[in-house]
Amino acid sequence: MGAILYFIETTLLWIVAVVLMTGLAWRLTIFVVAIRRKRQFTRQGSWQRLVSLTGILAPFHRAILAKPAYAALRYTFHACLFIIPIWFSGHIYLWEESRFEWYWSPLPDIWVDWMTLAVLGACAYLLVRRIVRAKRLKTRPSDIILIVTAALPFLSGYLLTHGQLSDIPFFDSYLWYLHVFSAEIMLLMIVLLFCRTHLSKERCVGCAACVENCPTETLEFNDRGPDRLFKYSHFQCICCGNCVTVCPEQAAGLRHDLHPKHLFRIVSKTEIRRVEMKICKGCGVRFAPMPQIDKLYRKAQSGKIEIDTLDFCRRCKNLRVGLQNQNQAK
């Protein structure tokens, strides 16, 4: 048992550190290569690129304005996840005592305590929300694992520094190792965690507004045969939230996705949506997504749109209008 505990706080910690740095360097390299290959993004000026890239750290979109309290909670949660491990005095002391002998000014412990409680409170809220609204949010097991994994290092660290469980022999002996091991798991999770765009099958009508407004061409669509296919490249996504903001149906969203395969899917894009295309009654060409036409049909029933114009492409509509004008002239 002693050998396992020693392995956790020494060798495994170094392995995790190497994997973390290698994984982040790999992701950054693939991101830069993927972005430089996109002409639309590289044609933008440096200022526009800088503005777009801020989405990596602070995605801003319509959902934030719709739910400001929830958005504030998420931003606070992610900020504390980053700040606490770096500026906690106990962690800085370990760096100072290591072979690197690094030191930087820590935050006051009381600040770290309040931020830790904020993280734990946010995790509790997100966990309950995911469980209670599982069907509506389409909660997956990985969503629960993600929240619990993020909470454990902060919970064990808070209990460890305040000696809350020191009277219990088991925790007095092993809480430190639990803290280190849970932190190692969270660091590995960072390498495999992506914030990805998803399109709701219930709401998306296939209009491609998200594709047209994606600054890095992460999203693309192709009309193949009877369908329009939407594809997504997770390495190119900067989580800017443009797709969420411009979607007229509020069908686009950002969600965390934890899966090892994403780290090694470099070239191919993932299909995230497929919609059937409408066939023109005049020429037989597929010209518009069926969900979009169906929505227009519903509007046409209220008299806002002429229903017979929905069955024809633009070319055939123009021909019909021309014929009608000729008949009226006669």
C-alpha atoms as a PDB file:
ATOM      1  CA  MET A   1       0.000   0.000   0.000  1.00  0.00           C
ATOM      2  CA  GLY A   2       2.818   2.361   0.835  1.00  0.00           C
ATOM      3  CA  ALA A   3       4.352   1.831  -2.608  1.00  0.00           C
ATOM      4  CA  ILE A   4       1.063   2.765  -4.293  1.00  0.00           C
ATOM      5  CA  LEU A   5       0.709   5.928  -2.235  1.00  0.00           C
ATOM      6  CA  TYR A   6       4.308   6.898  -2.966  1.00  0.00           C
ATOM      7  CA  PHE A   7       3.676   6.301  -6.680  1.00  0.00           C
ATOM      8  CA  ILE A   8       0.598   8.569  -6.582  1.00  0.00           C
ATOM      9  CA  GLU A   9       2.389  11.548  -5.085  1.00  0.00           C
ATOM     10  CA  THR A  10       5.640  11.215  -7.045  1.00  0.00           C
ATOM     11  CA  THR A  11       5.915   9.209 -10.272  1.00  0.00           C
ATOM     12  CA  LEU A  12       2.260   9.442 -11.292  1.00  0.00           C
ATOM     13  CA  LEU A  13       2.263  13.180 -10.645  1.00  0.00           C
ATOM     14  CA  TRP A  14       5.205  13.656 -13.027  1.00  0.00           C
ATOM     15  CA  ILE A  15       3.581  11.419 -15.642  1.00  0.00           C
ATOM     16  CA  VAL A  16       0.391  13.458 -15.447  1.00  0.00           C
ATOM     17  CA  ALA A  17       2.365  16.698 -15.725  1.00  0.00           C
ATOM     18  CA  VAL A  18       4.140  15.460 -18.857  1.00  0.00           C
ATOM     19  CA  VAL A  19       0.873  14.221 -20.399  1.00  0.00           C
ATOM     20  CA  LEU A  20      -0.811  17.545 -19.602  1.00  0.00           C
ATOM     21  CA  MET A  21       1.917  19.700 -21.148  1.00  0.00           C
ATOM     22  CA  THR A  22       2.275  17.387 -24.159  1.00  0.00           C
ATOM     23  CA  GLY A  23      -1.483  17.237 -24.679  1.00  0.00           C
ATOM     24  CA  LEU A  24      -1.939  21.001 -24.471  1.00  0.00           C
ATOM     25  CA  ALA A  25       1.002  21.572 -26.827  1.00  0.00           C
ATOM     26  CA  TRP A  26      -0.500  19.022 -29.242  1.00  0.00           C
ATOM     27  CA  ARG A  27      -3.900  20.701 -29.162  1.00  0.00           C
ATOM     28  CA  LEU A  28      -2.387  24.166 -29.658  1.00  0.00           C
ATOM     29  CA  THR A  29      -0.255  22.957 -32.578  1.00  0.00           C
ATOM     30  CA  ILE A  30      -3.176  21.288 -34.359  1.00  0.00           C
ATOM     31  CA  PHE A  31      -5.328  24.366 -33.723  1.00  0.00           C
ATOM     32  CA  VAL A  32      -2.752  26.740 -35.241  1.00  0.00           C
ATOM     33  CA  VAL A  33      -2.202  24.472 -38.256  1.00  0.00           C
ATOM     34  CA  ALA A  34      -5.948  24.091 -38.823  1.00  0.00           C
ATOM     35  CA  ILE A  35      -6.574  27.829 -38.548  1.00  0.00           C
ATOM     36  CA  ARG A  36      -3.740  28.800 -40.886  1.00  0.00           C
ATOM     37  CA  ARG A  37      -5.179  26.522 -43.542  1.00  0.00           C
ATOM     38  CA  LYS A  38      -8.429  28.496 -43.570  1.00  0.00           C
ATOM     39  CA  ARG A  39      -8.237  31.391 -46.014  1.00  0.00           C
ATOM     40  CA  GLN A  40     -11.257  33.236 -44.651  1.00  0.00           C
ATOM     41  CA  PHE A  41      -9.748  33.469 -41.175  1.00  0.00           C
ATOM     42  CA  THR A  42      -6.235  34.349 -42.312  1.00  0.00           C
ATOM     43  CA  ARG A  43      -7.565  37.069 -44.615  1.00  0.00           C
ATOM     44  CA  GLN A  44      -8.953  38.899 -41.601  1.00  0.00           C
ATOM     45  CA  GLY A  45      -6.815  41.619 -40.045  1.00  0.00           C
ATOM     46  CA  SER A  46      -4.888  40.997 -36.856  1.00  0.00           C
ATOM     47  CA  TRP A  47      -7.447  42.998 -34.834  1.00  0.00           C
ATOM     48  CA  GLN A  48     -10.354  40.873 -36.063  1.00  0.00           C
ATOM     49  CA  ARG A  49      -8.429  37.692 -35.330  1.00  0.00           C
ATOM     50  CA  LEU A  50      -7.636  38.912 -31.819  1.00  0.00           C
ATOM     51  CA  VAL A  51     -11.293  39.670 -31.149  1.00  0.00           C
ATOM     52  CA  SER A  52     -12.320  36.240 -32.434  1.00  0.00           C
ATOM     53  CA  LEU A  53      -9.719  34.424 -30.363  1.00  0.00           C
ATOM     54  CA  THR A  54     -10.984  36.011 -27.144  1.00  0.00           C
ATOM     55  CA  GLY A  55     -13.787  33.483 -27.399  1.00  0.00           C
ATOM     56  CA  ILE A  56     -11.370  30.832 -26.168  1.00  0.00           C
ATOM     57  CA  LEU A  57     -11.327  32.412 -22.706  1.00  0.00           C
ATOM     58  CA  ALA A  58     -14.668  34.220 -22.599  1.00  0.00           C
ATOM     59  CA  PRO A  59     -17.299  33.077 -25.098  1.00  0.00           C
ATOM     60  CA  PHE A  60     -20.081  35.658 -25.309  1.00  0.00           C
ATOM     61  CA  HIS A  61     -23.388  34.955 -27.006  1.00  0.00           C
ATOM     62  CA  ARG A  62     -27.139  35.403 -26.768  1.00  0.00           C
ATOM     63  CA  ALA A  63     -27.559  32.713 -24.098  1.00  0.00           C
ATOM     64  CA  ILE A  64     -25.553  34.878 -21.697  1.00  0.00           C
ATOM     65  CA  LEU A  65     -27.998  37.749 -22.072  1.00  0.00           C
ATOM     66  CA  ALA A  66     -30.949  35.387 -21.697  1.00  0.00           C
ATOM     67  CA  LYS A  67     -29.579  33.835 -18.472  1.00  0.00           C
ATOM     68  CA  PRO A  68     -27.208  36.383 -16.880  1.00  0.00           C
ATOM     69  CA  ALA A  69     -27.215  34.797 -13.399  1.00  0.00           C
ATOM     70  CA  TYR A  70     -26.419  31.349 -14.769  1.00  0.00           C
ATOM     71  CA  ALA A  71     -23.752  32.820 -17.060  1.00  0.00           C
ATOM     72  CA  ALA A  72     -22.156  34.678 -14.128  1.00  0.00           C
ATOM     73  CA  LEU A  73     -22.054  31.431 -12.151  1.00  0.00           C
ATOM     74  CA  ARG A  74     -20.323  29.608 -15.010  1.00  0.00           C
ATOM     75  CA  TYR A  75     -17.751  32.363 -15.529  1.00  0.00           C
ATOM     76  CA  THR A  76     -17.013  32.513 -11.788  1.00  0.00           C
ATOM     77  CA  PHE A  77     -16.726  28.731 -11.654  1.00  0.00           C
ATOM     78  CA  HIS A  78     -14.223  28.544 -14.519  1.00  0.00           C
ATOM     79  CA  ALA A  79     -12.194  31.498 -13.236  1.00  0.00           C
ATOM     80  CA  CYS A  80     -11.833  29.895  -9.803  1.00  0.00           C
ATOM     81  CA  LEU A  81     -10.847  26.568 -11.383  1.00  0.00           C
ATOM     82  CA  PHE A  82      -7.890  28.369 -12.925  1.00  0.00           C
ATOM     83  CA  ILE A  83      -6.949  30.759 -10.103  1.00  0.00           C
ATOM     84  CA  ILE A  84      -7.041  28.495  -7.028  1.00  0.00           C
ATOM     85  CA  PRO A  85      -4.503  25.824  -8.106  1.00  0.00           C
ATOM     86  CA  ILE A  86      -1.988  28.474  -9.197  1.00  0.00           C
ATOM     87  CA  TRP A  87      -2.236  31.098  -6.435  1.00  0.00           C
ATOM     88  CA  PHE A  88      -2.977  28.949  -3.371  1.00  0.00           C
ATOM     89  CA  SER A  89      -0.144  29.345  -0.859  1.00  0.00           C
ATOM     90  CA  GLY A  90       0.047  25.601  -0.162  1.00  0.00           C
ATOM     91  CA  HIS A  91       0.654  24.801  -3.824  1.00  0.00           C
ATOM     92  CA  ILE A  92       3.232  27.579  -4.167  1.00  0.00           C
ATOM     93  CA  TYR A  93       5.054  26.192  -1.118  1.00  0.00           C
ATOM     94  CA  LEU A  94       5.317  22.790  -2.850  1.00  0.00           C
ATOM     95  CA  TRP A  95       6.821  24.439  -5.945  1.00  0.00           C
ATOM     96  CA  GLU A  96       9.268  26.325  -3.749  1.00  0.00           C
ATOM     97  CA  GLU A  97      10.353  23.108  -2.042  1.00  0.00           C
ATOM     98  CA  SER A  98      10.695  21.226  -5.333  1.00  0.00           C
ATOM     99  CA  ARG A  99      13.781  21.003  -7.515  1.00  0.00           C
ATOM    100  CA  PHE A 100      12.577  24.055  -9.456  1.00  0.00           C
ATOM    101  CA  GLU A 101      12.495  26.305  -6.366  1.00  0.00           C
ATOM    102  CA  TRP A 102       9.836  28.519  -7.989  1.00  0.00           C
ATOM    103  CA  TYR A 103       7.974  31.085  -5.944  1.00  0.00           C
ATOM    104  CA  TRP A 104       5.353  33.745  -6.643  1.00  0.00           C
ATOM    105  CA  SER A 105       3.098  35.785  -4.384  1.00  0.00           C
ATOM    106  CA  PRO A 106       0.035  33.807  -3.233  1.00  0.00           C
ATOM    107  CA  LEU A 107      -3.485  35.063  -2.710  1.00  0.00           C
ATOM    108  CA  PRO A 108      -4.715  35.451   0.880  1.00  0.00           C
ATOM    109  CA  ASP A 109      -5.951  32.096   2.185  1.00  0.00           C
ATOM    110  CA  ILE A 110      -9.331  33.578   3.054  1.00  0.00           C
ATOM    111  CA  TRP A 111      -9.830  34.531  -0.594  1.00  0.00           C
ATOM    112  CA  VAL A 112      -8.915  31.018  -1.689  1.00  0.00           C
ATOM    113  CA  ASP A 113     -11.354  29.576   0.872  1.00  0.00           C
ATOM    114  CA  TRP A 114     -14.241  31.647  -0.487  1.00  0.00           C
ATOM    115  CA  MET A 115     -13.363  30.798  -4.085  1.00  0.00           C
ATOM    116  CA  THR A 116     -13.187  27.099  -3.169  1.00  0.00           C
ATOM    117  CA  LEU A 117     -16.634  27.285  -1.603  1.00  0.00           C
ATOM    118  CA  ALA A 118     -17.843  29.062  -4.751  1.00  0.00           C
ATOM    119  CA  VAL A 119     -16.522  26.187  -6.878  1.00  0.00           C
ATOM    120  CA  LEU A 120     -18.143  23.576  -4.654  1.00  0.00           C
ATOM    121  CA  GLY A 121     -21.436  25.490  -4.613  1.00  0.00           C
ATOM    122  CA  ALA A 122     -21.382  25.784  -8.408  1.00  0.00           C
ATOM    123  CA  CYS A 123     -20.611  22.068  -8.760  1.00  0.00           C
ATOM    124  CA  ALA A 124     -23.489  21.176  -6.432  1.00  0.00           C
ATOM    125  CA  TYR A 125     -25.882  23.388  -8.395  1.00  0.00           C
ATOM    126  CA  LEU A 126     -24.742  22.047 -11.782  1.00  0.00           C
ATOM    127  CA  LEU A 127     -24.955  18.464 -10.558  1.00  0.00           C
ATOM    128  CA  VAL A 128     -28.484  18.857  -9.191  1.00  0.00           C
ATOM    129  CA  ARG A 129     -29.509  20.720 -12.357  1.00  0.00           C
ATOM    130  CA  ARG A 130     -28.168  17.943 -14.542  1.00  0.00           C
ATOM    131  CA  ILE A 131     -30.002  15.284 -12.548  1.00  0.00           C
ATOM    132  CA  VAL A 132     -33.340  17.077 -12.086  1.00  0.00           C
ATOM    133  CA  ARG A 133     -33.503  18.309 -15.706  1.00  0.00           C
ATOM    134  CA  ALA A 134     -31.806  15.271 -17.202  1.00  0.00           C
ATOM    135  CA  LYS A 135     -34.313  14.776 -20.020  1.00  0.00           C
ATOM    136  CA  ARG A 136     -34.471  18.408 -21.102  1.00  0.00           C
ATOM    137  CA  LEU A 137     -30.694  18.920 -20.894  1.00  0.00           C
ATOM    138  CA  LYS A 138     -30.014  15.497 -22.415  1.00  0.00           C
ATOM    139  CA  THR A 139     -27.674  14.630 -19.573  1.00  0.00           C
ATOM    140  CA  ARG A 140     -25.083  11.972 -20.325  1.00  0.00           C
ATOM    141  CA  PRO A 141     -23.001   9.943 -17.824  1.00  0.00           C
ATOM    142  CA  SER A 142     -19.936  11.932 -18.921  1.00  0.00           C
ATOM    143  CA  ASP A 143     -21.650  15.161 -17.791  1.00  0.00           C
ATOM    144  CA  ILE A 144     -22.002  13.798 -14.249  1.00  0.00           C
ATOM    145  CA  ILE A 145     -18.443  12.443 -14.255  1.00  0.00           C
ATOM    146  CA  LEU A 146     -17.142  15.818 -15.402  1.00  0.00           C
ATOM    147  CA  ILE A 147     -18.780  17.733 -12.557  1.00  0.00           C
ATOM    148  CA  VAL A 148     -17.776  15.217  -9.866  1.00  0.00           C
ATOM    149  CA  THR A 149     -14.197  15.072 -11.147  1.00  0.00           C
ATOM    150  CA  ALA A 150     -13.947  18.873 -11.047  1.00  0.00           C
ATOM    151  CA  ALA A 151     -15.346  19.039  -7.500  1.00  0.00           C
ATOM    152  CA  LEU A 152     -13.254  16.316  -5.805  1.00  0.00           C
ATOM    153  CA  PRO A 153      -9.842  18.085  -5.739  1.00  0.00           C
ATOM    154  CA  PHE A 154     -11.396  21.235  -4.266  1.00  0.00           C
ATOM    155  CA  LEU A 155     -13.507  19.362  -1.732  1.00  0.00           C
ATOM    156  CA  SER A 156     -10.596  17.193  -0.555  1.00  0.00           C
ATOM    157  CA  GLY A 157      -8.260  20.199  -0.526  1.00  0.00           C
ATOM    158  CA  TYR A 158     -10.652  22.283   1.562  1.00  0.00           C
ATOM    159  CA  LEU A 159     -11.163  19.463   4.071  1.00  0.00           C
ATOM    160  CA  LEU A 160      -7.429  18.824   4.172  1.00  0.00           C
ATOM    161  CA  THR A 161      -6.385  22.420   4.869  1.00  0.00           C
ATOM    162  CA  HIS A 162      -9.067  22.898   7.527  1.00  0.00           C
ATOM    163  CA  GLY A 163      -8.639  19.520   9.213  1.00  0.00           C
ATOM    164  CA  GLN A 164     -12.356  18.796   9.051  1.00  0.00           C
ATOM    165  CA  LEU A 165     -11.927  15.006   8.964  1.00  0.00           C
ATOM    166  CA  SER A 166      -8.677  14.667  10.927  1.00  0.00           C
ATOM    167  CA  ASP A 167     -10.528  12.878  13.756  1.00  0.00           C
ATOM    168  CA  ILE A 168     -11.360   9.993  11.411  1.00  0.00           C
ATOM    169  CA  PRO A 169      -8.287   7.729  11.085  1.00  0.00           C
ATOM    170  CA  PHE A 170      -8.928   6.780   7.453  1.00  0.00           C
ATOM    171  CA  PHE A 171      -9.166  10.366   6.231  1.00  0.00           C
ATOM    172  CA  ASP A 172      -6.350  11.474   8.503  1.00  0.00           C
ATOM    173  CA  SER A 173      -4.091   8.950   6.742  1.00  0.00           C
ATOM    174  CA  TYR A 174      -5.338   9.058   3.172  1.00  0.00           C
ATOM    175  CA  LEU A 175      -7.048  12.409   2.512  1.00  0.00           C
ATOM    176  CA  TRP A 176      -3.815  13.913   1.162  1.00  0.00           C
ATOM    177  CA  TYR A 177      -3.422  11.099  -1.345  1.00  0.00           C
ATOM    178  CA  LEU A 178      -7.086  11.393  -2.336  1.00  0.00           C
ATOM    179  CA  HIS A 179      -6.527  15.081  -2.976  1.00  0.00           C
ATOM    180  CA  VAL A 180      -3.433  14.471  -5.113  1.00  0.00           C
ATOM    181  CA  PHE A 181      -5.013  11.594  -7.058  1.00  0.00           C
ATOM    182  CA  SER A 182      -8.251  13.466  -7.767  1.00  0.00           C
ATOM    183  CA  ALA A 183      -6.223  16.476  -8.948  1.00  0.00           C
ATOM    184  CA  GLU A 184      -4.251  14.210 -11.277  1.00  0.00           C
ATOM    185  CA  ILE A 185      -7.479  12.854 -12.748  1.00  0.00           C
ATOM    186  CA  MET A 186      -8.767  16.395 -13.297  1.00  0.00           C
ATOM    187  CA  LEU A 187      -5.539  17.428 -15.059  1.00  0.00           C
ATOM    188  CA  LEU A 188      -5.816  14.435 -17.399  1.00  0.00           C
ATOM    189  CA  MET A 189      -9.435  15.350 -18.025  1.00  0.00           C
ATOM    190  CA  ILE A 190      -8.358  18.822 -19.216  1.00  0.00           C
ATOM    191  CA  VAL A 191      -6.421  17.243 -22.077  1.00  0.00           C
ATOM    192  CA  LEU A 192      -9.452  15.237 -23.236  1.00  0.00           C
ATOM    193  CA  LEU A 193     -12.091  17.920 -22.671  1.00  0.00           C
ATOM    194  CA  PHE A 194     -13.466  19.915 -25.588  1.00  0.00           C
ATOM    195  CA  CYS A 195     -16.177  22.570 -25.666  1.00  0.00           C
ATOM    196  CA  ARG A 196     -18.096  21.673 -28.808  1.00  0.00           C
ATOM    197  CA  THR A 197     -20.908  23.125 -30.874  1.00  0.00           C
ATOM    198  CA  HIS A 198     -24.082  21.075 -31.148  1.00  0.00           C
ATOM    199  CA  LEU A 199     -27.240  21.623 -33.209  1.00  0.00           C
ATOM    200  CA  SER A 200     -30.600  20.642 -31.749  1.00  0.00           C
ATOM    201  CA  LYS A 201     -32.460  18.208 -33.999  1.00  0.00           C
ATOM    202  CA  GLU A 202     -35.753  19.523 -32.662  1.00  0.00           C
ATOM    203  CA  ARG A 203     -35.030  23.187 -33.495  1.00  0.00           C
ATOM    204  CA  CYS A 204     -32.450  23.324 -36.293  1.00  0.00           C
ATOM    205  CA  VAL A 205     -34.021  23.980 -39.715  1.00  0.00           C
ATOM    206  CA  GLY A 206     -30.757  23.693 -41.664  1.00  0.00           C
ATOM    207  CA  CYS A 207     -30.531  27.360 -42.687  1.00  0.00           C
ATOM    208  CA  ALA A 208     -26.704  27.366 -42.313  1.00  0.00           C
ATOM    209  CA  ALA A 209     -26.555  30.786 -40.614  1.00  0.00           C
ATOM    210  CA  CYS A 210     -24.088  29.263 -38.143  1.00  0.00           C
ATOM    211  CA  VAL A 211     -21.808  28.163 -40.984  1.00  0.00           C
ATOM    212  CA  GLU A 212     -21.843  31.558 -42.667  1.00  0.00           C
ATOM    213  CA  ASN A 213     -20.874  33.332 -39.426  1.00  0.00           C
ATOM    214  CA  CYS A 214     -18.214  30.921 -38.116  1.00  0.00           C
ATOM    215  CA  PRO A 215     -14.926  32.932 -38.041  1.00  0.00           C
ATOM    216  CA  THR A 216     -12.666  29.871 -38.199  1.00  0.00           C
ATOM    217  CA  GLU A 217     -14.756  27.775 -40.628  1.00  0.00           C
ATOM    218  CA  THR A 218     -15.139  25.188 -37.906  1.00  0.00           C
ATOM    219  CA  LEU A 219     -18.650  24.522 -39.184  1.00  0.00           C
ATOM    220  CA  GLU A 220     -19.347  23.633 -42.805  1.00  0.00           C
ATOM    221  CA  PHE A 221     -22.184  22.110 -44.791  1.00  0.00           C
ATOM    222  CA  ASN A 222     -22.430  20.113 -47.994  1.00  0.00           C
ATOM    223  CA  ASP A 223     -25.543  19.335 -50.023  1.00  0.00           C
ATOM    224  CA  ARG A 224     -25.110  15.709 -50.974  1.00  0.00           C
ATOM    225  CA  GLY A 225     -27.888  13.770 -52.650  1.00  0.00           C
ATOM    226  CA  PRO A 226     -31.139  14.210 -50.776  1.00  0.00           C
ATOM    227  CA  ASP A 227     -29.573  15.725 -47.636  1.00  0.00           C
ATOM    228  CA  ARG A 228     -27.657  18.711 -46.308  1.00  0.00           C
ATOM    229  CA  LEU A 229     -24.832  17.577 -44.014  1.00  0.00           C
ATOM    230  CA  PHE A 230     -23.391  19.804 -41.299  1.00  0.00           C
ATOM    231  CA  LYS A 231     -19.865  18.942 -40.182  1.00  0.00           C
ATOM    232  CA  TYR A 232     -17.755  20.238 -37.310  1.00  0.00           C
ATOM    233  CA  SER A 233     -14.026  20.290 -36.496  1.00  0.00           C
ATOM    234  CA  HIS A 234     -13.395  20.473 -32.750  1.00  0.00           C
ATOM    235  CA  PHE A 235      -9.739  21.477 -33.139  1.00  0.00           C
ATOM    236  CA  GLN A 236     -10.697  24.644 -35.041  1.00  0.00           C
ATOM    237  CA  CYS A 237     -13.444  25.776 -32.658  1.00  0.00           C
ATOM    238  CA  ILE A 238     -12.574  28.777 -30.459  1.00  0.00           C
ATOM    239  CA  CYS A 239     -15.903  28.692 -28.554  1.00  0.00           C
ATOM    240  CA  CYS A 240     -16.646  32.267 -29.625  1.00  0.00           C
ATOM    241  CA  GLY A 241     -20.400  31.642 -29.517  1.00  0.00           C
ATOM    242  CA  ASN A 242     -21.107  33.186 -32.931  1.00  0.00           C
ATOM    243  CA  CYS A 243     -23.142  30.149 -33.933  1.00  0.00           C
ATOM    244  CA  VAL A 244     -25.306  30.556 -30.826  1.00  0.00           C
ATOM    245  CA  THR A 245     -25.788  34.277 -31.388  1.00  0.00           C
ATOM    246  CA  VAL A 246     -26.792  34.171 -35.056  1.00  0.00           C
ATOM    247  CA  CYS A 247     -29.003  31.071 -34.982  1.00  0.00           C
ATOM    248  CA  PRO A 248     -32.578  32.310 -35.643  1.00  0.00           C
ATOM    249  CA  GLU A 249     -34.066  29.130 -34.156  1.00  0.00           C
ATOM    250  CA  GLN A 250     -31.889  29.079 -31.009  1.00  0.00           C
ATOM    251  CA  ALA A 251     -30.823  25.597 -32.068  1.00  0.00           C
ATOM    252  CA  ALA A 252     -27.056  26.023 -31.679  1.00  0.00           C
ATOM    253  CA  GLY A 253     -25.325  25.555 -28.353  1.00  0.00           C
ATOM    254  CA  LEU A 254     -21.965  24.908 -26.720  1.00  0.00           C
ATOM    255  CA  ARG A 255     -21.442  21.955 -24.421  1.00  0.00           C
ATOM    256  CA  HIS A 256     -18.502  20.110 -22.931  1.00  0.00           C
ATOM    257  CA  ASP A 257     -17.599  16.800 -24.480  1.00  0.00           C
ATOM    258  CA  LEU A 258     -15.210  14.401 -22.754  1.00  0.00           C
ATOM    259  CA  HIS A 259     -13.885  11.655 -25.007  1.00  0.00           C
ATOM    260  CA  PRO A 260     -10.340  10.415 -25.834  1.00  0.00           C
ATOM    261  CA  LYS A 261     -11.138   9.933 -29.544  1.00  0.00           C
ATOM    262  CA  HIS A 262     -11.432  13.691 -30.111  1.00  0.00           C
ATOM    263  CA  LEU A 263      -7.748  14.162 -29.307  1.00  0.00           C
ATOM    264  CA  PHE A 264      -6.753  11.939 -32.230  1.00  0.00           C
ATOM    265  CA  ARG A 265      -9.408  12.946 -34.766  1.00  0.00           C
ATOM    266  CA  ILE A 266      -7.292  15.513 -36.606  1.00  0.00           C
ATOM    267  CA  VAL A 267      -8.322  15.609 -40.258  1.00  0.00           C
ATOM    268  CA  SER A 268     -11.870  14.318 -40.435  1.00  0.00           C
ATOM    269  CA  LYS A 269     -14.851  16.399 -39.354  1.00  0.00           C
ATOM    270  CA  THR A 270     -17.749  15.093 -37.275  1.00  0.00           C
ATOM    271  CA  GLU A 271     -21.258  15.084 -38.699  1.00  0.00           C
ATOM    272  CA  ILE A 272     -23.480  16.923 -36.219  1.00  0.00           C
ATOM    273  CA  ARG A 273     -26.654  17.467 -38.252  1.00  0.00           C
ATOM    274  CA  ARG A 274     -28.374  16.081 -41.344  1.00  0.00           C
ATOM    275  CA  VAL A 275     -31.524  17.543 -42.917  1.00  0.00           C
ATOM    276  CA  GLU A 276     -33.509  16.514 -45.981  1.00  0.00           C
ATOM    277  CA  MET A 277     -33.643  18.961 -48.904  1.00  0.00           C
ATOM    278  CA  LYS A 278     -36.844  20.097 -50.626  1.00  0.00           C
ATOM    279  CA  ILE A 279     -37.305  19.181 -54.316  1.00  0.00           C
ATOM    280  CA  CYS A 280     -38.461  21.940 -56.662  1.00  0.00           C
ATOM    281  CA  LYS A 281     -41.706  21.010 -58.428  1.00  0.00           C
ATOM    282  CA  GLY A 282     -40.579  22.927 -61.487  1.00  0.00           C
ATOM    283  CA  CYS A 283     -37.088  21.655 -62.268  1.00  0.00           C
ATOM    284  CA  GLY A 284     -36.515  18.854 -59.754  1.00  0.00           C
ATOM    285  CA  VAL A 285     -33.523  20.539 -58.094  1.00  0.00           C
ATOM    286  CA  ARG A 286     -33.130  20.302 -54.333  1.00  0.00           C
ATOM    287  CA  PHE A 287     -33.094  23.909 -53.234  1.00  0.00           C
ATOM    288  CA  ALA A 288     -33.897  24.349 -49.514  1.00  0.00           C
ATOM    289  CA  PRO A 289     -33.929  22.366 -46.243  1.00  0.00           C
ATOM    290  CA  MET A 290     -37.242  20.624 -45.574  1.00  0.00           C
ATOM    291  CA  PRO A 291     -37.469  21.773 -41.906  1.00  0.00           C
ATOM    292  CA  GLN A 292     -37.186  25.375 -43.105  1.00  0.00           C
ATOM    293  CA  ILE A 293     -39.874  24.862 -45.760  1.00  0.00           C
ATOM    294  CA  ASP A 294     -42.121  23.139 -43.194  1.00  0.00           C
ATOM    295  CA  LYS A 295     -41.806  26.169 -40.942  1.00  0.00           C
ATOM    296  CA  LEU A 296     -42.769  28.443 -43.837  1.00  0.00           C
ATOM    297  CA  TYR A 297     -45.742  26.173 -44.592  1.00  0.00           C
ATOM    298  CA  ARG A 298     -47.000  26.764 -41.076  1.00  0.00           C
ATOM    299  CA  LYS A 299     -46.691  30.520 -41.610  1.00  0.00           C
ATOM    300  CA  ALA A 300     -48.433  30.199 -44.946  1.00  0.00           C
ATOM    301  CA  GLN A 301     -51.443  28.642 -43.249  1.00  0.00           C
ATOM    302  CA  SER A 302     -51.903  31.909 -41.360  1.00  0.00           C
ATOM    303  CA  GLY A 303     -51.940  33.820 -44.634  1.00  0.00           C
ATOM    304  CA  LYS A 304     -48.563  35.533 -44.228  1.00  0.00           C
ATOM    305  CA  ILE A 305     -46.975  33.760 -47.206  1.00  0.00           C
ATOM    306  CA  GLU A 306     -48.336  32.454 -50.508  1.00  0.00           C
ATOM    307  CA  ILE A 307     -48.174  28.714 -50.100  1.00  0.00           C
ATOM    308  CA  ASP A 308     -47.720  27.891 -53.797  1.00  0.00           C
ATOM    309  CA  THR A 309     -44.390  29.741 -53.921  1.00  0.00           C
ATOM    310  CA  LEU A 310     -42.824  27.371 -51.397  1.00  0.00           C
ATOM    311  CA  ASP A 311     -42.637  24.457 -53.821  1.00  0.00           C
ATOM    312  CA  PHE A 312     -40.319  26.147 -56.305  1.00  0.00           C
ATOM    313  CA  CYS A 313     -36.675  27.235 -56.373  1.00  0.00           C
ATOM    314  CA  ARG A 314     -35.752  30.857 -57.038  1.00  0.00           C
ATOM    315  CA  ARG A 315     -35.213  30.289 -60.759  1.00  0.00           C
ATOM    316  CA  CYS A 316     -38.585  28.623 -61.217  1.00  0.00           C
ATOM    317  CA  LYS A 317     -40.268  31.327 -59.119  1.00  0.00           C
ATOM    318  CA  ASN A 318     -38.820  34.001 -61.372  1.00  0.00           C
ATOM    319  CA  LEU A 319     -40.000  32.120 -64.463  1.00  0.00           C
ATOM    320  CA  ARG A 320     -43.486  31.800 -63.012  1.00  0.00           C
ATOM    321  CA  VAL A 321     -43.556  35.503 -62.155  1.00  0.00           C
ATOM    322  CA  GLY A 322     -42.403  36.346 -65.687  1.00  0.00           C
ATOM    323  CA  LEU A 323     -45.136  34.192 -67.221  1.00  0.00           C
ATOM    324  CA  GLN A 324     -47.740  35.760 -64.955  1.00  0.00           C
ATOM    325  CA  ASN A 325     -46.614  39.244 -65.979  1.00  0.00           C
ATOM    326  CA  GLN A 326     -46.781  38.270 -69.666  1.00  0.00           C
ATOM    327  CA  ASN A 327     -50.293  36.890 -69.244  1.00  0.00           C
ATOM    328  CA  GLN A 328     -51.402  40.027 -67.449  1.00  0.00           C
ATOM    329  CA  ALA A 329     -49.904  42.188 -70.225  1.00  0.00           C
ATOM    330  CA  LYS A 330     -51.918  40.279 -72.820  1.00  0.00           C
END
